[in-house]
Amino acid sequence: MSAKMSMFLEVIAIVTALSLIVASTFVTPAFALKRYFNCVTEIANKSGKLTIADVNSCYDKEFHGSSHVSSSASTSNAIGK
């Protein structure tokens, strides 16, 4: 195999690897958002009501990098107290 062909295949391999990494960074958050909506929907359908605490619980469960604010503090902030 010639040196040019070898270099070309190496570049193609690097570009392919980088494109797979970039694509996976877009797909993973989309699945987390789907799981978040499924969690919220399941709670609402099961109990017939949905509270801010339920929403925060689902958010913290699916988005692990979220801020760790207690649900009572975020509830009072949401209400405006």
C-alpha atoms as a PDB file:
ATOM      1  CA  MET A   1       0.000   0.000   0.000  1.00  0.00           C
ATOM      2  CA  SER A   2       1.364   3.430  -0.827  1.00  0.00           C
ATOM      3  CA  ALA A   3       2.099   6.055   1.801  1.00  0.00           C
ATOM      4  CA  LYS A   4      -0.605   8.366   0.401  1.00  0.00           C
ATOM      5  CA  MET A   5      -3.248   5.654   0.624  1.00  0.00           C
ATOM      6  CA  SER A   6      -2.202   4.793   4.171  1.00  0.00           C
ATOM      7  CA  MET A   7      -2.373   8.453   5.203  1.00  0.00           C
ATOM      8  CA  PHE A   8      -5.779   8.807   3.543  1.00  0.00           C
ATOM      9  CA  LEU A   9      -7.167   5.799   5.444  1.00  0.00           C
ATOM     10  CA  GLU A  10      -5.801   7.157   8.732  1.00  0.00           C
ATOM     11  CA  VAL A  11      -7.522  10.491   8.150  1.00  0.00           C
ATOM     12  CA  ILE A  12     -10.783   8.745   7.276  1.00  0.00           C
ATOM     13  CA  ALA A  13     -10.551   6.654  10.469  1.00  0.00           C
ATOM     14  CA  ILE A  14      -9.947   9.734  12.619  1.00  0.00           C
ATOM     15  CA  VAL A  15     -12.792  11.680  11.012  1.00  0.00           C
ATOM     16  CA  THR A  16     -15.141   8.717  11.442  1.00  0.00           C
ATOM     17  CA  ALA A  17     -14.214   8.315  15.114  1.00  0.00           C
ATOM     18  CA  LEU A  18     -14.707  12.022  15.783  1.00  0.00           C
ATOM     19  CA  SER A  19     -18.081  12.052  14.040  1.00  0.00           C
ATOM     20  CA  LEU A  20     -19.279   9.109  16.137  1.00  0.00           C
ATOM     21  CA  ILE A  21     -18.220  10.873  19.335  1.00  0.00           C
ATOM     22  CA  VAL A  22     -19.971  14.089  18.328  1.00  0.00           C
ATOM     23  CA  ALA A  23     -23.138  12.222  17.316  1.00  0.00           C
ATOM     24  CA  SER A  24     -23.288  10.390  20.645  1.00  0.00           C
ATOM     25  CA  THR A  25     -23.150  13.696  22.541  1.00  0.00           C
ATOM     26  CA  PHE A  26     -26.342  14.788  20.783  1.00  0.00           C
ATOM     27  CA  VAL A  27     -28.238  11.507  21.162  1.00  0.00           C
ATOM     28  CA  THR A  28     -27.709  10.901  24.896  1.00  0.00           C
ATOM     29  CA  PRO A  29     -29.433  14.111  26.113  1.00  0.00           C
ATOM     30  CA  ALA A  30     -32.369  13.392  23.819  1.00  0.00           C
ATOM     31  CA  PHE A  31     -32.931  10.037  25.525  1.00  0.00           C
ATOM     32  CA  ALA A  32     -32.642  11.681  28.956  1.00  0.00           C
ATOM     33  CA  LEU A  33     -35.329  14.178  27.964  1.00  0.00           C
ATOM     34  CA  LYS A  34     -37.569  11.340  26.788  1.00  0.00           C
ATOM     35  CA  ARG A  35     -37.094   9.502  30.096  1.00  0.00           C
ATOM     36  CA  TYR A  36     -37.846  12.738  31.997  1.00  0.00           C
ATOM     37  CA  PHE A  37     -41.153  13.225  30.159  1.00  0.00           C
ATOM     38  CA  ASN A  38     -42.025   9.553  30.666  1.00  0.00           C
ATOM     39  CA  CYS A  39     -41.358   9.906  34.409  1.00  0.00           C
ATOM     40  CA  VAL A  40     -43.542  13.020  34.698  1.00  0.00           C
ATOM     41  CA  THR A  41     -46.319  11.433  32.632  1.00  0.00           C
ATOM     42  CA  GLU A  42     -46.240   8.229  34.678  1.00  0.00           C
ATOM     43  CA  ILE A  43     -46.598  10.125  37.969  1.00  0.00           C
ATOM     44  CA  ALA A  44     -49.403  12.300  36.600  1.00  0.00           C
ATOM     45  CA  ASN A  45     -51.306   9.295  35.238  1.00  0.00           C
ATOM     46  CA  LYS A  46     -50.809   7.222  38.368  1.00  0.00           C
ATOM     47  CA  SER A  47     -51.838   9.793  40.986  1.00  0.00           C
ATOM     48  CA  GLY A  48     -54.034  12.122  38.950  1.00  0.00           C
ATOM     49  CA  LYS A  49     -52.029  15.133  40.100  1.00  0.00           C
ATOM     50  CA  LEU A  50     -48.547  16.469  39.542  1.00  0.00           C
ATOM     51  CA  THR A  51     -46.683  18.597  42.039  1.00  0.00           C
ATOM     52  CA  ILE A  52     -43.507  20.628  41.762  1.00  0.00           C
ATOM     53  CA  ALA A  53     -41.844  18.078  44.035  1.00  0.00           C
ATOM     54  CA  ASP A  54     -42.732  15.328  41.542  1.00  0.00           C
ATOM     55  CA  VAL A  55     -41.311  17.343  38.651  1.00  0.00           C
ATOM     56  CA  ASN A  56     -38.115  18.089  40.587  1.00  0.00           C
ATOM     57  CA  SER A  57     -37.790  14.427  41.534  1.00  0.00           C
ATOM     58  CA  CYS A  58     -37.978  13.336  37.895  1.00  0.00           C
ATOM     59  CA  TYR A  59     -35.555  16.079  36.864  1.00  0.00           C
ATOM     60  CA  ASP A  60     -32.995  15.089  39.491  1.00  0.00           C
ATOM     61  CA  LYS A  61     -33.429  11.421  38.582  1.00  0.00           C
ATOM     62  CA  GLU A  62     -32.792  11.896  34.852  1.00  0.00           C
ATOM     63  CA  PHE A  63     -30.382  14.845  34.762  1.00  0.00           C
ATOM     64  CA  HIS A  64     -27.701  13.856  37.244  1.00  0.00           C
ATOM     65  CA  GLY A  65     -25.625  16.995  36.711  1.00  0.00           C
ATOM     66  CA  SER A  66     -28.444  19.256  37.856  1.00  0.00           C
ATOM     67  CA  SER A  67     -28.129  21.533  40.843  1.00  0.00           C
ATOM     68  CA  HIS A  68     -28.879  19.866  44.146  1.00  0.00           C
ATOM     69  CA  VAL A  69     -31.462  22.270  45.530  1.00  0.00           C
ATOM     70  CA  SER A  70     -33.879  20.778  48.020  1.00  0.00           C
ATOM     71  CA  SER A  71     -37.385  20.345  46.699  1.00  0.00           C
ATOM     72  CA  SER A  72     -38.895  22.499  49.465  1.00  0.00           C
ATOM     73  CA  ALA A  73     -36.599  25.418  48.571  1.00  0.00           C
ATOM     74  CA  SER A  74     -37.354  25.146  44.869  1.00  0.00           C
ATOM     75  CA  THR A  75     -41.084  24.795  45.594  1.00  0.00           C
ATOM     76  CA  SER A  76     -41.132  27.967  47.644  1.00  0.00           C
ATOM     77  CA  ASN A  77     -39.140  29.757  44.933  1.00  0.00           C
ATOM     78  CA  ALA A  78     -41.565  28.575  42.263  1.00  0.00           C
ATOM     79  CA  ILE A  79     -44.543  29.820  44.266  1.00  0.00           C
ATOM     80  CA  GLY A  80     -42.837  33.147  44.909  1.00  0.00           C
ATOM     81  CA  LYS A  81     -42.494  33.044  48.698  1.00  0.00           C
END
